[in-house]
């Protein structure tokens, strides 16, 4: 049994990546449990396994006291000093009590506990690995779809893509490779639960970083993201180097970089906008592709009134208000869009006249 224990521990350490010390501690706890169960021992005890030979021994433990109340747990100072005159009150006296047939009993009874401890250690290792990757992209293979949840194999474990995190209209076929964003990793009694998303803005951010070297290097900075997953997104980018165009860097030669991200997101449209510290210019750019005539800013209320040509009004607002809604999310400003003709009426009512120079 001794040789088998050592061999099994070394193999598990190599194959599962679980430290040998963790496995030895699990086995010691299992053997102690087996000892107490089979020998009905109410005394304090511990099991020690030699890391080199695989030999194991059981030691009883009794605390040194002035007056013994329970001889199974305590030993008098007088008796302790017969063993070693250096003992004093409060010390623990150990004595080997390994039963003759303990090896056979341990082999029969400890297996289940050891396997459970090994499983727990493996789960902890997986948890630590993926907990450190929260906020990152992970690639997996779709295993199955069950009650609208999509289960994705990540190798040693699986991730769950819940309906709330799935992109509208996206099909999830078993066997298909998929990139997702790790939102949260939870500890559960059944092991780590990894929750992933296809709708999180972080997925778009990470995909862009994979495709755009300037983002990875920090030359170009992603200032803001507004996303309506599966339909359209807007990103605001800024360059720390005046010789690097942030929009061009993200779009790439012939649009290759941004197209790779669009393809990964199944055709989701992405507007790339140059960030500007001037809120009026940033708000105007955020309504791209619509052309803007002027922007009026109310700083305290964080409201921006945007004036656009009559033929650009529907484009600025977007289908079901999507363009305006994304622009507001991107900039953090409440945006009120008016056409030039609407502004003529407003100025006429406010001032009694309209002058094109007012715009």
Protein backbone atom coordinates (compact mmCIF):
# COMPACT_ATOMS: atom_id res chain seq x y z
CA UNK A 1 0.00 0.00 0.00
CA UNK A 2 2.85 2.40 0.88
CA UNK A 3 4.36 2.28 -2.60
CA UNK A 4 0.94 2.62 -4.21
CA UNK A 5 0.18 5.72 -2.13
CA UNK A 6 3.37 7.47 -3.18
CA UNK A 7 2.90 6.51 -6.84
CA UNK A 8 -0.72 7.68 -6.86
CA UNK A 9 0.16 11.02 -5.25
CA UNK A 10 3.00 11.71 -7.69
CA UNK A 11 0.77 10.88 -10.67
CA UNK A 12 -2.07 13.09 -9.39
CA UNK A 13 0.35 15.94 -8.80
CA UNK A 14 1.60 15.63 -12.36
CA UNK A 15 -1.74 15.03 -14.12
CA UNK A 16 -4.07 17.24 -12.08
CA UNK A 17 -1.64 19.92 -10.97
CA UNK A 18 -2.58 19.40 -7.31
CA UNK A 19 0.38 19.97 -4.92
CA UNK A 20 1.63 16.77 -3.24
CA UNK A 21 1.34 18.39 0.21
CA UNK A 22 -2.39 18.95 -0.34
CA UNK A 23 -2.81 15.28 -1.25
CA UNK A 24 -0.75 14.06 1.71
CA UNK A 25 -2.83 16.22 4.08
CA UNK A 26 -6.04 14.84 2.57
CA UNK A 27 -4.78 11.30 3.00
CA UNK A 28 -3.70 11.91 6.61
CA UNK A 29 -7.16 13.28 7.41
CA UNK A 30 -8.75 10.25 5.75
CA UNK A 31 -6.58 7.78 7.69
CA UNK A 32 -7.33 9.57 10.96
CA UNK A 33 -11.04 9.29 10.19
CA UNK A 34 -10.60 5.58 9.44
CA UNK A 35 -8.69 5.05 12.70
CA UNK A 36 -11.38 6.71 14.81
CA UNK A 37 -14.18 4.88 13.02
CA UNK A 38 -12.61 1.41 13.27
CA UNK A 39 -11.03 1.61 16.70
CA UNK A 40 -13.65 3.70 18.45
CA UNK A 41 -11.04 6.05 19.77
CA UNK A 42 -12.23 9.08 21.69
CA UNK A 43 -8.69 10.29 22.32
CA UNK A 44 -6.92 13.02 20.46
CA UNK A 45 -4.76 11.58 17.72
CA UNK A 46 -2.95 12.45 14.54
CA UNK A 47 -1.69 10.46 11.57
CA UNK A 48 1.66 11.20 9.98
CA UNK A 49 2.76 9.93 6.55
CA UNK A 50 6.44 9.94 5.70
CA UNK A 51 6.73 11.90 2.43
CA UNK A 52 9.71 9.82 1.31
CA UNK A 53 8.83 6.23 2.28
CA UNK A 54 5.03 6.29 2.48
CA UNK A 55 5.17 4.87 6.04
CA UNK A 56 2.29 6.03 8.22
CA UNK A 57 1.97 6.15 11.99
CA UNK A 58 -0.80 7.02 14.42
CA UNK A 59 0.03 9.04 17.53
CA UNK A 60 -2.20 9.62 20.54
CA UNK A 61 -2.03 13.13 21.99
CA UNK A 62 -2.54 14.00 25.66
CA UNK A 63 -2.17 17.39 27.29
CA UNK A 64 0.00 17.75 30.37
CA UNK A 65 -2.07 18.92 33.39
CA UNK A 66 -1.65 19.21 37.17
CA UNK A 67 -4.75 17.10 37.86
CA UNK A 68 -6.10 14.56 35.35
CA UNK A 69 -9.84 14.73 34.63
CA UNK A 70 -9.93 12.53 31.51
CA UNK A 71 -7.03 10.08 31.12
CA UNK A 72 -7.83 9.63 27.40
CA UNK A 73 -7.07 13.30 26.76
CA UNK A 74 -4.79 14.29 29.63
CA UNK A 75 -1.64 13.12 31.41
CA UNK A 76 -0.33 14.26 34.78
CA UNK A 77 2.81 16.34 34.99
CA UNK A 78 4.41 13.58 37.11
CA UNK A 79 3.73 10.88 34.50
CA UNK A 80 4.85 13.12 31.65
CA UNK A 81 8.17 13.86 33.34
CA UNK A 82 8.82 10.14 33.63
CA UNK A 83 8.84 10.14 29.83
CA UNK A 84 10.82 13.36 29.51
CA UNK A 85 11.75 15.62 32.43
CA UNK A 86 11.48 18.69 30.18
CA UNK A 87 7.68 18.48 29.93
CA UNK A 88 5.63 21.24 31.58
CA UNK A 89 1.93 21.97 32.04
CA UNK A 90 0.24 22.70 28.72
CA UNK A 91 2.61 20.61 26.61
CA UNK A 92 1.29 17.76 24.47
CA UNK A 93 2.66 14.25 24.95
CA UNK A 94 2.54 11.99 21.91
CA UNK A 95 2.70 8.20 21.87
CA UNK A 96 2.63 5.92 18.84
CA UNK A 97 -0.52 3.76 18.83
CA UNK A 98 -0.53 2.44 15.26
CA UNK A 99 -2.64 -0.77 15.21
CA UNK A 100 -1.08 -3.87 13.61
CA UNK A 101 -3.77 -4.33 10.99
CA UNK A 102 -4.29 -0.61 10.38
CA UNK A 103 -2.84 -0.75 6.86
CA UNK A 104 -5.53 -3.13 5.60
CA UNK A 105 -8.36 -1.26 7.32
CA UNK A 106 -7.06 2.08 6.11
CA UNK A 107 -6.91 0.85 2.52
CA UNK A 108 -10.55 -0.28 2.72
CA UNK A 109 -12.04 2.73 4.46
CA UNK A 110 -9.98 5.74 3.40
CA UNK A 111 -10.42 5.51 -0.36
CA UNK A 112 -13.72 7.36 -0.57
CA UNK A 113 -12.58 10.18 1.68
CA UNK A 114 -9.30 10.55 -0.19
CA UNK A 115 -11.06 10.72 -3.55
CA UNK A 116 -13.40 13.38 -2.17
CA UNK A 117 -10.52 15.46 -0.82
CA UNK A 118 -8.69 15.16 -4.12
CA UNK A 119 -11.82 16.27 -5.95
CA UNK A 120 -12.14 19.27 -3.63
CA UNK A 121 -8.50 20.19 -4.16
CA UNK A 122 -8.98 19.99 -7.91
CA UNK A 123 -12.11 22.16 -7.68
CA UNK A 124 -10.20 24.73 -5.65
CA UNK A 125 -7.42 24.77 -8.24
CA UNK A 126 -9.96 25.34 -11.01
CA UNK A 127 -11.70 28.06 -8.99
CA UNK A 128 -8.44 29.92 -8.36
CA UNK A 129 -7.50 29.66 -12.03
CA UNK A 130 -10.75 31.12 -13.36
CA UNK A 131 -11.42 33.56 -10.50
CA UNK A 132 -8.19 35.30 -11.51
CA UNK A 133 -9.54 35.54 -15.07
CA UNK A 134 -12.77 37.40 -14.27
CA UNK A 135 -13.09 40.18 -16.82
CA UNK A 136 -11.22 38.24 -19.48
CA UNK A 137 -12.15 36.32 -22.63
CA UNK A 138 -12.25 32.54 -22.65
CA UNK A 139 -12.68 30.25 -25.66
CA UNK A 140 -14.64 27.02 -25.31
CA UNK A 141 -16.76 24.49 -27.17
CA UNK A 142 -20.53 24.41 -26.82
CA UNK A 143 -21.46 21.11 -25.17
CA UNK A 144 -25.24 21.31 -24.84
CA UNK A 145 -28.23 23.61 -24.45
CA UNK A 146 -30.45 22.77 -21.48
CA UNK A 147 -33.48 24.83 -20.43
CA UNK A 148 -32.15 27.74 -22.51
CA UNK A 149 -28.82 27.68 -20.65
CA UNK A 150 -25.79 27.07 -22.88
CA UNK A 151 -23.06 24.88 -21.34
CA UNK A 152 -19.57 25.50 -22.70
CA UNK A 153 -16.64 23.14 -22.18
CA UNK A 154 -13.43 24.87 -21.10
CA UNK A 155 -11.44 21.65 -20.78
CA UNK A 156 -11.25 20.77 -17.08
CA UNK A 157 -14.55 22.49 -16.32
CA UNK A 158 -17.51 24.14 -18.03
CA UNK A 159 -19.05 27.60 -18.15
CA UNK A 160 -22.72 28.61 -18.20
CA UNK A 161 -24.15 31.14 -20.63
CA UNK A 162 -27.56 32.08 -19.23
CA UNK A 163 -30.41 33.44 -21.42
CA UNK A 164 -29.87 36.96 -20.04
CA UNK A 165 -26.26 36.92 -21.31
CA UNK A 166 -27.04 35.51 -24.77
CA UNK A 167 -27.06 37.71 -27.87
CA UNK A 168 -30.46 38.15 -29.53
CA UNK A 169 -30.90 35.90 -32.56
CA UNK A 170 -27.62 34.05 -32.00
CA UNK A 171 -27.74 30.26 -32.44
CA UNK A 172 -25.74 28.01 -30.14
CA UNK A 173 -24.94 24.67 -31.80
CA UNK A 174 -23.14 21.90 -29.88
CA UNK A 175 -19.58 21.39 -31.10
CA UNK A 176 -19.14 25.04 -32.11
CA UNK A 177 -16.20 27.06 -30.74
CA UNK A 178 -17.23 30.28 -29.04
CA UNK A 179 -15.59 33.22 -27.28
CA UNK A 180 -17.24 34.52 -24.11
CA UNK A 181 -16.50 37.01 -21.36
CA UNK A 182 -16.07 35.75 -17.78
CA UNK A 183 -18.49 37.78 -15.66
CA UNK A 184 -18.26 35.91 -12.34
CA UNK A 185 -16.80 32.77 -10.79
CA UNK A 186 -18.72 31.36 -7.81
CA UNK A 187 -17.85 28.67 -5.26
CA UNK A 188 -20.57 26.01 -4.96
CA UNK A 189 -20.85 22.61 -3.30
CA UNK A 190 -20.60 21.03 -6.75
CA UNK A 191 -17.48 22.94 -7.68
CA UNK A 192 -16.80 26.35 -9.26
CA UNK A 193 -19.60 27.86 -11.33
CA UNK A 194 -18.28 30.03 -14.16
CA UNK A 195 -20.79 32.54 -15.52
CA UNK A 196 -19.99 33.97 -18.94
CA UNK A 197 -21.55 36.54 -21.26
CA UNK A 198 -21.87 37.37 -24.93
CA UNK A 199 -23.61 40.71 -24.24
CA UNK A 200 -21.22 42.36 -21.77
CA UNK A 201 -19.39 45.47 -23.06
CA UNK A 202 -16.22 43.88 -21.72
CA UNK A 203 -16.42 41.24 -24.46
CA UNK A 204 -16.21 43.94 -27.11
CA UNK A 205 -13.33 45.62 -25.26
CA UNK A 206 -11.31 42.39 -25.01
CA UNK A 207 -11.98 41.43 -28.64
CA UNK A 208 -10.71 44.83 -29.76
CA UNK A 209 -7.58 44.42 -27.64
CA UNK A 210 -6.90 41.09 -29.33
CA UNK A 211 -7.13 42.67 -32.79
CA UNK A 212 -5.56 46.10 -32.20
CA UNK A 213 -1.88 46.07 -31.11
CA UNK A 214 -2.03 49.79 -30.29
CA UNK A 215 -4.66 49.06 -27.61
CA UNK A 216 -2.52 46.30 -26.10
CA UNK A 217 0.53 48.58 -26.05
CA UNK A 218 -1.40 51.48 -24.50
CA UNK A 219 -0.77 53.86 -27.41
CA UNK A 220 -4.51 53.96 -28.09
CA UNK A 221 -6.91 54.12 -25.16
CA UNK A 222 -10.51 52.92 -25.14
CA UNK A 223 -12.31 55.74 -23.33
CA UNK A 224 -15.92 54.55 -23.43
CA UNK A 225 -18.18 51.78 -24.75
CA UNK A 226 -21.90 51.76 -25.34
CA UNK A 227 -23.35 48.47 -26.50
CA UNK A 228 -26.70 47.00 -27.48
CA UNK A 229 -25.55 43.45 -28.01
CA UNK A 230 -26.39 41.85 -31.34
CA UNK A 231 -27.40 45.14 -32.94
CA UNK A 232 -24.98 48.03 -32.58
CA UNK A 233 -22.16 49.43 -30.47
CA UNK A 234 -20.23 52.67 -30.21
CA UNK A 235 -16.69 52.98 -28.91
CA UNK A 236 -14.75 56.17 -28.16
CA UNK A 237 -10.98 55.97 -28.61
CA UNK A 238 -8.10 58.33 -27.92
CA UNK A 239 -4.46 58.30 -29.00
CA UNK A 240 -1.58 59.16 -26.65
CA UNK A 241 0.61 59.60 -29.73
CA UNK A 242 -0.38 62.47 -32.04
CA UNK A 243 1.11 60.55 -34.97
CA UNK A 244 -1.31 57.63 -34.46
CA UNK A 245 -4.92 57.96 -35.60
CA UNK A 246 -6.97 56.09 -32.96
CA UNK A 247 -9.92 55.47 -35.27
CA UNK A 248 -7.70 54.23 -38.09
CA UNK A 249 -5.80 51.95 -35.70
CA UNK A 250 -9.03 50.30 -34.55
CA UNK A 251 -10.52 50.01 -38.03
CA UNK A 252 -7.31 48.64 -39.51
CA UNK A 253 -6.17 48.33 -43.15
CA UNK A 254 -9.26 48.00 -45.36
CA UNK A 255 -11.32 47.65 -42.17
CA UNK A 256 -9.82 44.24 -41.41
CA UNK A 257 -9.41 44.70 -37.65
CA UNK A 258 -12.87 45.97 -36.89
CA UNK A 259 -14.38 43.45 -39.32
CA UNK A 260 -12.78 40.58 -37.39
CA UNK A 261 -14.58 41.81 -34.25
CA UNK A 262 -17.84 42.29 -36.15
CA UNK A 263 -17.60 38.72 -37.46
CA UNK A 264 -16.99 37.36 -33.94
CA UNK A 265 -20.12 39.22 -32.80
CA UNK A 266 -22.19 37.86 -35.71
CA UNK A 267 -22.53 41.11 -37.63
CA UNK A 268 -23.03 43.56 -34.77
CA UNK A 269 -22.36 47.05 -36.16
CA UNK A 270 -19.58 49.00 -34.45
CA UNK A 271 -19.14 52.79 -34.72
CA UNK A 272 -15.60 53.91 -33.87
CA UNK A 273 -15.50 57.53 -32.66
CA UNK A 274 -12.59 59.77 -31.73
CA UNK A 275 -12.87 60.85 -28.12
CA UNK A 276 -12.61 64.58 -27.43
CA UNK A 277 -12.25 66.36 -24.07
CA UNK A 278 -14.55 69.10 -25.41
CA UNK A 279 -18.06 67.77 -24.60
CA UNK A 280 -19.71 69.59 -27.50
CA UNK A 281 -17.31 68.03 -30.02
CA UNK A 282 -17.54 64.61 -28.36
CA UNK A 283 -21.35 64.68 -28.37
CA UNK A 284 -21.37 65.75 -32.03
CA UNK A 285 -19.02 62.90 -32.97
CA UNK A 286 -21.02 60.37 -30.95
CA UNK A 287 -24.04 60.80 -33.23
CA UNK A 288 -22.05 59.54 -36.22
CA UNK A 289 -22.87 58.83 -39.00
CA UNK A 290 -25.26 61.79 -38.75
CA UNK A 291 -23.90 65.26 -39.54
CA UNK A 292 -24.25 67.87 -36.79
CA UNK A 293 -24.69 71.60 -37.33
CA UNK A 294 -24.26 72.80 -33.74
CA UNK A 295 -24.30 71.65 -30.13
CA UNK A 296 -25.55 73.67 -27.15
CA UNK A 297 -24.28 72.57 -23.74
CA UNK A 298 -25.82 72.94 -20.27
CA UNK A 299 -22.86 71.91 -18.12
CA UNK A 300 -24.53 71.65 -14.71
CA UNK A 301 -27.51 69.61 -15.92
CA UNK A 302 -25.24 67.66 -18.30
CA UNK A 303 -27.70 68.22 -21.12
CA UNK A 304 -26.70 68.73 -24.75
CA UNK A 305 -29.02 70.05 -27.43
CA UNK A 306 -27.84 68.92 -30.85
CA UNK A 307 -28.97 70.62 -34.05
CA UNK A 308 -28.87 68.62 -37.28
CA UNK A 309 -30.00 69.28 -40.88
CA UNK A 310 -33.61 68.29 -41.53
CA UNK A 311 -32.55 65.38 -43.72
CA UNK A 312 -30.27 64.05 -40.98
CA UNK A 313 -32.81 63.99 -38.14
CA UNK A 314 -33.96 60.39 -38.55
CA UNK A 315 -30.34 59.24 -39.03
CA UNK A 316 -29.24 61.06 -35.86
CA UNK A 317 -32.05 59.53 -33.81
CA UNK A 318 -31.67 56.11 -35.39
CA UNK A 319 -34.08 53.22 -35.67
CA UNK A 320 -36.29 53.20 -32.58
CA UNK A 321 -33.96 55.85 -31.10
CA UNK A 322 -30.97 53.52 -31.03
CA UNK A 323 -28.32 55.93 -32.34
CA UNK A 324 -29.31 58.68 -29.91
CA UNK A 325 -29.57 56.20 -27.04
CA UNK A 326 -26.09 54.78 -27.67
CA UNK A 327 -24.63 58.29 -28.05
CA UNK A 328 -26.08 59.25 -24.65
CA UNK A 329 -24.62 56.10 -23.04
CA UNK A 330 -21.25 56.69 -24.66
CA UNK A 331 -20.90 60.35 -23.62
CA UNK A 332 -22.79 60.30 -20.34
CA UNK A 333 -24.82 63.31 -21.51
CA UNK A 334 -28.57 63.60 -21.98
CA UNK A 335 -28.93 64.46 -25.67
CA UNK A 336 -31.85 66.40 -27.14
CA UNK A 337 -31.80 66.27 -30.95
CA UNK A 338 -33.51 68.98 -32.99
CA UNK A 339 -33.65 69.62 -36.74
CA UNK A 340 -32.87 73.07 -38.16
CA UNK A 341 -36.54 73.71 -38.97
CA UNK A 342 -37.54 72.76 -35.42
CA UNK A 343 -34.96 75.22 -34.10
CA UNK A 344 -36.38 77.94 -36.35
CA UNK A 345 -39.72 77.52 -34.61
CA UNK A 346 -38.11 77.46 -31.15
CA UNK A 347 -36.08 80.61 -31.79
CA UNK A 348 -39.10 82.32 -33.36
CA UNK A 349 -41.11 81.60 -30.22
CA UNK A 350 -38.32 82.58 -27.83
CA UNK A 351 -36.99 85.68 -29.63
CA UNK A 352 -39.76 86.56 -32.07
CA UNK A 353 -37.42 86.09 -35.02
CA UNK A 354 -35.01 83.59 -36.56
CA UNK A 355 -31.54 84.30 -37.86
CA UNK A 356 -29.39 81.59 -39.49
CA UNK A 357 -26.39 83.03 -37.63
CA UNK A 358 -28.03 81.93 -34.37
CA UNK A 359 -27.18 78.35 -35.27
